[in-house]
N, C-alpha and C. Protein backbone atom coordinates (compact mmCIF):
# COMPACT_ATOMS: atom_id res chain seq x y z
N MET A 1 40.72 82.47 -133.12
CA MET A 1 41.00 83.59 -132.00
C MET A 1 42.03 84.67 -133.05
N THR A 2 41.50 85.52 -133.01
CA THR A 2 42.49 86.89 -133.96
C THR A 2 43.40 87.53 -133.20
N ARG A 3 44.84 87.25 -134.18
CA ARG A 3 46.16 87.45 -133.04
C ARG A 3 46.97 88.92 -133.84
N THR A 4 47.64 89.17 -133.50
CA THR A 4 48.86 89.97 -134.02
C THR A 4 50.00 88.90 -134.96
N PRO A 5 50.63 90.07 -135.94
CA PRO A 5 51.85 89.19 -136.59
C PRO A 5 52.58 88.50 -135.29
N ASP A 6 52.87 89.20 -134.31
CA ASP A 6 53.78 88.12 -133.67
C ASP A 6 53.48 87.43 -132.70
N GLY A 7 51.58 87.59 -132.79
CA GLY A 7 51.44 85.97 -132.20
C GLY A 7 50.23 86.23 -130.55
N VAL A 8 50.07 87.80 -130.48
CA VAL A 8 49.37 88.02 -129.02
C VAL A 8 48.06 87.95 -129.50
N ASP A 9 47.16 87.16 -128.70
CA ASP A 9 46.08 86.90 -128.70
C ASP A 9 45.65 89.14 -128.64
N ILE A 10 44.27 88.57 -129.64
CA ILE A 10 43.77 90.59 -129.52
C ILE A 10 42.83 90.10 -128.75
N THR A 11 42.81 90.28 -127.15
CA THR A 11 41.50 90.38 -126.51
C THR A 11 41.41 91.61 -125.63
N GLN A 12 40.31 91.84 -125.36
CA GLN A 12 40.21 93.02 -123.98
C GLN A 12 40.88 93.21 -123.28
N ASP A 13 41.83 92.02 -122.55
CA ASP A 13 42.48 92.14 -121.67
C ASP A 13 44.15 92.66 -122.09
N ASN A 14 44.14 92.13 -123.36
CA ASN A 14 45.42 92.29 -123.91
C ASN A 14 45.71 93.54 -124.48
N PHE A 15 44.68 94.44 -125.14
CA PHE A 15 44.59 95.59 -125.68
C PHE A 15 43.04 96.37 -125.16
N ALA A 16 43.85 97.81 -124.49
CA ALA A 16 42.65 98.24 -123.99
C ALA A 16 42.15 99.35 -124.93
N GLY A 17 40.86 99.63 -124.94
CA GLY A 17 40.14 99.96 -125.98
C GLY A 17 38.51 99.69 -126.40
N THR A 18 38.23 100.21 -127.40
CA THR A 18 36.73 100.15 -127.47
C THR A 18 36.72 98.65 -128.05
N GLN A 19 35.69 97.74 -127.66
CA GLN A 19 36.11 96.42 -128.51
C GLN A 19 34.19 96.00 -128.52
N TYR A 20 33.90 95.74 -129.71
CA TYR A 20 32.31 95.26 -129.26
C TYR A 20 31.89 93.81 -129.62
N GLY A 21 32.78 93.15 -128.36
CA GLY A 21 32.92 91.68 -128.46
C GLY A 21 34.22 91.18 -128.66
N GLY A 22 34.31 89.93 -128.55
CA GLY A 22 35.96 89.33 -128.78
C GLY A 22 35.98 89.30 -130.21
N ALA A 23 37.36 89.57 -130.61
CA ALA A 23 37.92 89.91 -132.12
C ALA A 23 37.46 88.23 -132.62
N GLY A 24 36.72 88.39 -133.66
CA GLY A 24 36.48 87.56 -134.55
C GLY A 24 35.01 87.16 -134.52
N THR A 25 33.80 87.57 -133.54
CA THR A 25 32.81 87.23 -133.20
C THR A 25 31.60 88.61 -133.28
N ASN A 26 32.25 89.51 -133.87
CA ASN A 26 31.44 90.42 -134.44
C ASN A 26 31.09 90.61 -135.86
N PRO A 27 30.77 89.24 -137.08
CA PRO A 27 30.87 89.76 -138.55
C PRO A 27 29.95 91.17 -138.95
N ASP A 28 29.84 91.73 -139.85
CA ASP A 28 29.45 92.94 -140.05
C ASP A 28 29.22 92.29 -141.64
N CYS A 29 30.00 92.47 -142.79
CA CYS A 29 29.82 92.30 -143.81
C CYS A 29 30.25 90.93 -144.33
N ASN A 30 30.01 89.92 -145.54
CA ASN A 30 30.66 88.77 -145.96
C ASN A 30 30.62 89.30 -147.56
N GLN A 31 31.38 89.58 -147.79
CA GLN A 31 31.43 89.54 -149.67
C GLN A 31 32.38 88.24 -150.06
N PHE A 32 31.75 87.94 -151.42
CA PHE A 32 31.99 86.32 -151.90
C PHE A 32 32.53 86.90 -153.20
N VAL A 33 33.63 86.61 -153.34
CA VAL A 33 34.37 86.83 -154.62
C VAL A 33 35.22 86.15 -155.37
N PRO A 34 34.21 85.60 -156.51
CA PRO A 34 34.28 84.33 -157.08
C PRO A 34 35.54 84.66 -157.98
N THR A 35 36.41 83.20 -158.06
CA THR A 35 37.71 83.12 -158.49
C THR A 35 37.66 82.29 -159.91
N ASP A 36 36.20 81.91 -160.15
CA ASP A 36 35.88 81.30 -161.48
C ASP A 36 34.82 81.54 -162.08
N GLU A 37 34.79 81.16 -163.75
CA GLU A 37 33.50 81.21 -163.75
C GLU A 37 31.85 80.77 -163.52
N GLY A 38 32.07 79.99 -162.59
CA GLY A 38 31.05 79.27 -162.33
C GLY A 38 30.67 79.63 -161.19
N GLY A 39 31.03 80.40 -159.97
CA GLY A 39 30.76 80.95 -158.90
C GLY A 39 31.10 79.93 -157.67
N THR A 40 31.87 78.84 -158.02
CA THR A 40 32.34 77.60 -157.10
C THR A 40 33.40 77.60 -156.38
N GLU A 41 33.83 78.60 -156.50
CA GLU A 41 35.14 78.78 -155.48
C GLU A 41 35.37 80.02 -155.75
N GLY A 42 36.28 80.80 -154.69
CA GLY A 42 36.69 82.22 -154.86
C GLY A 42 36.52 82.42 -153.25
N HIS A 43 37.23 83.98 -152.48
CA HIS A 43 37.40 84.31 -151.60
C HIS A 43 36.34 84.59 -150.96
N LEU A 44 36.11 84.71 -149.70
CA LEU A 44 34.98 85.09 -148.67
C LEU A 44 35.75 86.18 -148.01
N PHE A 45 35.41 87.22 -147.80
CA PHE A 45 36.07 88.50 -146.99
C PHE A 45 34.65 88.84 -145.66
N THR A 46 35.56 88.99 -144.91
CA THR A 46 34.67 88.96 -143.88
C THR A 46 34.91 90.41 -142.90
N ASN A 47 34.17 91.52 -142.80
CA ASN A 47 34.52 92.87 -142.11
C ASN A 47 34.01 92.43 -140.66
N TRP A 48 35.05 92.48 -139.53
CA TRP A 48 34.46 92.15 -138.35
C TRP A 48 34.42 93.56 -136.92
N GLU A 49 33.59 93.78 -136.99
CA GLU A 49 33.18 95.25 -136.36
C GLU A 49 33.61 95.17 -134.83
N ASN A 50 35.03 95.07 -134.86
CA ASN A 50 35.73 95.55 -133.62
C ASN A 50 36.76 96.43 -133.95
N SER A 51 37.30 96.48 -132.64
CA SER A 51 38.57 97.41 -132.16
C SER A 51 39.70 96.49 -131.55
N PRO A 52 40.92 96.33 -132.16
CA PRO A 52 41.14 96.85 -133.26
C PRO A 52 40.52 96.40 -134.55
N GLY A 53 41.00 96.65 -135.49
CA GLY A 53 39.90 95.83 -136.83
C GLY A 53 40.31 94.70 -137.47
N CYS A 54 39.82 94.06 -137.95
CA CYS A 54 39.85 92.66 -138.44
C CYS A 54 39.03 92.32 -140.06
N VAL A 55 39.24 92.41 -141.16
CA VAL A 55 39.38 92.03 -142.39
C VAL A 55 39.84 90.51 -142.61
N SER A 56 38.70 89.48 -142.48
CA SER A 56 39.37 88.25 -143.07
C SER A 56 38.99 87.66 -144.50
N ARG A 57 39.96 87.04 -144.98
CA ARG A 57 39.80 86.13 -146.12
C ARG A 57 40.28 84.86 -146.25
N VAL A 58 38.93 84.04 -146.64
CA VAL A 58 39.32 82.68 -146.53
C VAL A 58 38.48 82.29 -148.08
N PHE A 59 39.30 81.14 -148.63
CA PHE A 59 39.04 80.71 -149.81
C PHE A 59 38.18 79.73 -149.78
N VAL A 60 36.97 79.38 -150.26
CA VAL A 60 36.07 78.72 -150.38
C VAL A 60 35.74 78.05 -151.47
N SER A 61 35.30 76.84 -151.62
CA SER A 61 34.62 76.02 -152.90
C SER A 61 33.76 75.15 -153.08
N GLN A 62 32.77 74.89 -153.54
CA GLN A 62 31.89 74.13 -153.68
C GLN A 62 32.19 72.40 -154.18
N ASP A 63 32.11 71.80 -153.82
CA ASP A 63 31.76 70.42 -154.21
C ASP A 63 30.58 70.12 -154.89
N GLU A 64 30.50 68.56 -155.63
CA GLU A 64 29.58 68.52 -156.43
C GLU A 64 28.04 68.28 -155.98
N ASP A 65 28.39 68.17 -154.75
CA ASP A 65 27.27 67.79 -153.93
C ASP A 65 26.53 69.35 -153.30
N GLY A 66 27.11 70.48 -153.83
CA GLY A 66 26.92 71.89 -153.58
C GLY A 66 27.19 72.03 -151.74
N GLU A 67 28.01 71.56 -151.10
CA GLU A 67 28.32 71.85 -150.13
C GLU A 67 29.50 72.33 -150.19
N TRP A 68 29.96 73.53 -149.08
CA TRP A 68 30.76 74.43 -149.21
C TRP A 68 32.05 74.16 -148.23
N HIS A 69 33.12 74.06 -148.89
CA HIS A 69 34.42 73.85 -147.24
C HIS A 69 35.41 75.10 -147.88
N ALA A 70 36.07 75.29 -146.76
CA ALA A 70 36.80 76.79 -146.28
C ALA A 70 38.30 76.21 -145.83
N ASP A 71 38.86 76.59 -146.87
CA ASP A 71 40.88 76.48 -146.86
C ASP A 71 41.34 77.18 -145.35
N THR A 72 41.04 76.67 -144.32
CA THR A 72 41.41 77.53 -143.06
C THR A 72 43.13 77.26 -143.02
N GLU A 73 43.97 76.47 -143.77
CA GLU A 73 45.21 77.27 -143.91
C GLU A 73 45.36 78.32 -144.66
N ASP A 74 44.31 78.57 -145.61
CA ASP A 74 45.10 79.82 -146.62
C ASP A 74 44.08 81.00 -145.96
N ALA A 75 43.33 80.96 -144.78
CA ALA A 75 42.64 81.93 -143.81
C ALA A 75 43.84 83.16 -143.87
N MET A 76 43.53 84.31 -143.45
CA MET A 76 44.20 85.03 -143.40
C MET A 76 43.81 86.70 -142.98
N ASN A 77 44.04 87.35 -141.91
CA ASN A 77 43.15 88.38 -141.44
C ASN A 77 44.32 89.61 -142.09
N LEU A 78 43.50 90.27 -143.19
CA LEU A 78 44.64 90.81 -143.99
C LEU A 78 44.87 92.34 -143.27
N THR A 79 44.08 92.53 -142.23
CA THR A 79 44.41 94.10 -141.39
C THR A 79 45.69 93.74 -141.02
N ASN A 80 46.58 91.91 -140.42
CA ASN A 80 47.78 91.96 -140.20
C ASN A 80 48.72 92.13 -141.56
N THR A 81 48.78 92.24 -142.42
CA THR A 81 49.86 92.65 -143.57
C THR A 81 50.44 93.70 -143.70
N GLU A 82 51.37 93.73 -144.10
CA GLU A 82 52.12 95.19 -143.93
C GLU A 82 51.24 96.09 -144.85
N ALA A 83 50.83 96.16 -145.61
CA ALA A 83 50.23 97.22 -146.53
C ALA A 83 49.07 97.92 -145.32
N PHE A 84 48.32 97.13 -144.71
CA PHE A 84 47.33 97.62 -143.74
C PHE A 84 48.45 98.22 -142.43
N ARG A 85 49.22 97.58 -141.93
CA ARG A 85 49.69 97.83 -140.85
C ARG A 85 51.00 99.31 -141.36
N ASP A 86 51.23 99.40 -142.28
CA ASP A 86 51.82 100.63 -142.68
C ASP A 86 50.68 101.97 -142.45
N LEU A 87 49.97 101.55 -142.76
CA LEU A 87 48.57 102.94 -142.29
C LEU A 87 47.65 102.61 -141.39
N GLY A 88 48.84 101.94 -140.53
CA GLY A 88 47.76 101.89 -138.94
C GLY A 88 46.94 101.34 -138.67
N GLY A 89 46.52 100.05 -139.78
CA GLY A 89 45.72 99.36 -139.17
C GLY A 89 44.30 99.68 -139.37
N THR A 90 43.01 99.20 -139.29
CA THR A 90 41.82 99.28 -139.31
C THR A 90 41.64 99.54 -137.79
N ARG A 91 40.16 99.94 -137.86
CA ARG A 91 39.37 99.95 -136.65
C ARG A 91 37.65 99.87 -136.49
N ILE A 92 37.26 98.80 -136.18
CA ILE A 92 35.89 98.81 -136.50
C ILE A 92 35.08 98.84 -137.91
N ASP A 93 35.52 97.60 -138.90
CA ASP A 93 35.55 97.50 -140.17
C ASP A 93 33.96 97.00 -139.62
N CYS A 94 33.19 97.87 -140.93
CA CYS A 94 31.66 97.69 -141.08
C CYS A 94 31.15 97.14 -142.22
N TYR A 95 30.64 97.89 -142.84
CA TYR A 95 29.55 97.78 -143.85
C TYR A 95 31.08 97.79 -144.71
N GLY A 96 30.91 96.69 -146.24
CA GLY A 96 31.57 96.45 -147.47
C GLY A 96 30.68 95.96 -148.36
N ASP A 97 31.41 95.93 -149.50
CA ASP A 97 30.68 96.27 -151.09
C ASP A 97 31.58 95.27 -152.27
N LEU A 98 30.83 94.97 -153.15
CA LEU A 98 31.50 94.83 -154.64
C LEU A 98 31.79 95.78 -154.94
N SER A 99 33.40 95.87 -155.75
CA SER A 99 33.15 96.97 -156.79
C SER A 99 32.89 96.64 -157.88
N PRO A 100 32.66 97.42 -158.80
CA PRO A 100 32.07 96.91 -160.34
C PRO A 100 33.42 96.27 -161.29
N TRP A 101 34.38 95.94 -160.25
CA TRP A 101 35.73 95.03 -161.20
C TRP A 101 35.54 94.16 -160.20
N GLY A 102 34.57 93.50 -159.47
CA GLY A 102 34.80 92.03 -158.68
C GLY A 102 35.61 92.20 -157.36
N THR A 103 35.81 93.26 -157.01
CA THR A 103 37.29 93.22 -155.78
C THR A 103 35.97 93.76 -154.43
N MET A 104 36.38 93.32 -153.52
CA MET A 104 36.02 93.50 -152.03
C MET A 104 36.44 95.00 -151.80
N ILE A 105 35.17 95.70 -151.52
CA ILE A 105 35.30 97.12 -150.94
C ILE A 105 35.28 97.30 -149.29
N SER A 106 36.33 97.69 -148.47
CA SER A 106 35.67 97.42 -146.82
C SER A 106 35.10 99.35 -146.64
N SER A 107 34.95 99.11 -145.78
CA SER A 107 34.85 100.55 -144.84
C SER A 107 34.93 100.63 -143.41
N GLU A 108 35.09 101.36 -142.55
CA GLU A 108 35.26 101.25 -141.06
C GLU A 108 34.61 102.34 -140.46
N GLU A 109 34.32 101.86 -139.01
CA GLU A 109 33.64 102.94 -138.43
C GLU A 109 34.36 103.43 -136.99
N ASN A 110 35.01 105.25 -136.92
CA ASN A 110 35.63 105.40 -136.04
C ASN A 110 35.29 106.29 -135.09
N TYR A 111 34.80 106.40 -134.32
CA TYR A 111 33.74 107.17 -133.74
C TYR A 111 34.76 108.18 -133.09
N ALA A 112 35.84 107.91 -132.62
CA ALA A 112 36.52 108.81 -132.18
C ALA A 112 37.63 109.39 -132.70
N HIS A 113 37.05 109.79 -134.24
CA HIS A 113 38.07 110.76 -135.08
C HIS A 113 37.37 111.94 -135.06
N PRO A 114 37.96 112.87 -135.54
CA PRO A 114 37.49 114.57 -135.05
C PRO A 114 36.23 114.48 -136.16
N ALA A 115 36.46 114.12 -137.40
CA ALA A 115 35.67 114.64 -138.07
C ALA A 115 34.36 113.88 -138.13
N SER A 116 34.28 113.05 -137.15
CA SER A 116 33.03 112.29 -137.01
C SER A 116 31.85 112.67 -135.80
N ARG A 117 32.55 113.98 -135.06
CA ARG A 117 31.60 114.64 -133.54
C ARG A 117 31.17 115.79 -134.42
């Protein structure tokens, strides 16, 4: 369940507005950013196409048998960090890609914005 920094569940009952489903149930973009040369560990970023927005980051690693494992203790909703909150958060996080420098690029859709009419 996606929560606000003060622990409130982000649900349609708790927050009015456009939502394409329950928070954390509508992934749109997954990008793996390796942290080692072999590409067997790194961060998986996911854009969740919901409102309010959510960009999750979880550390994943591959064991010797090829099985992938997620460190759920390290998982976080980046949009709940101070930097994103200072900008007002995100809404409807959609497409994403890797930059030429190997960092995650995220985009959002906001049909309520005057420029999109």
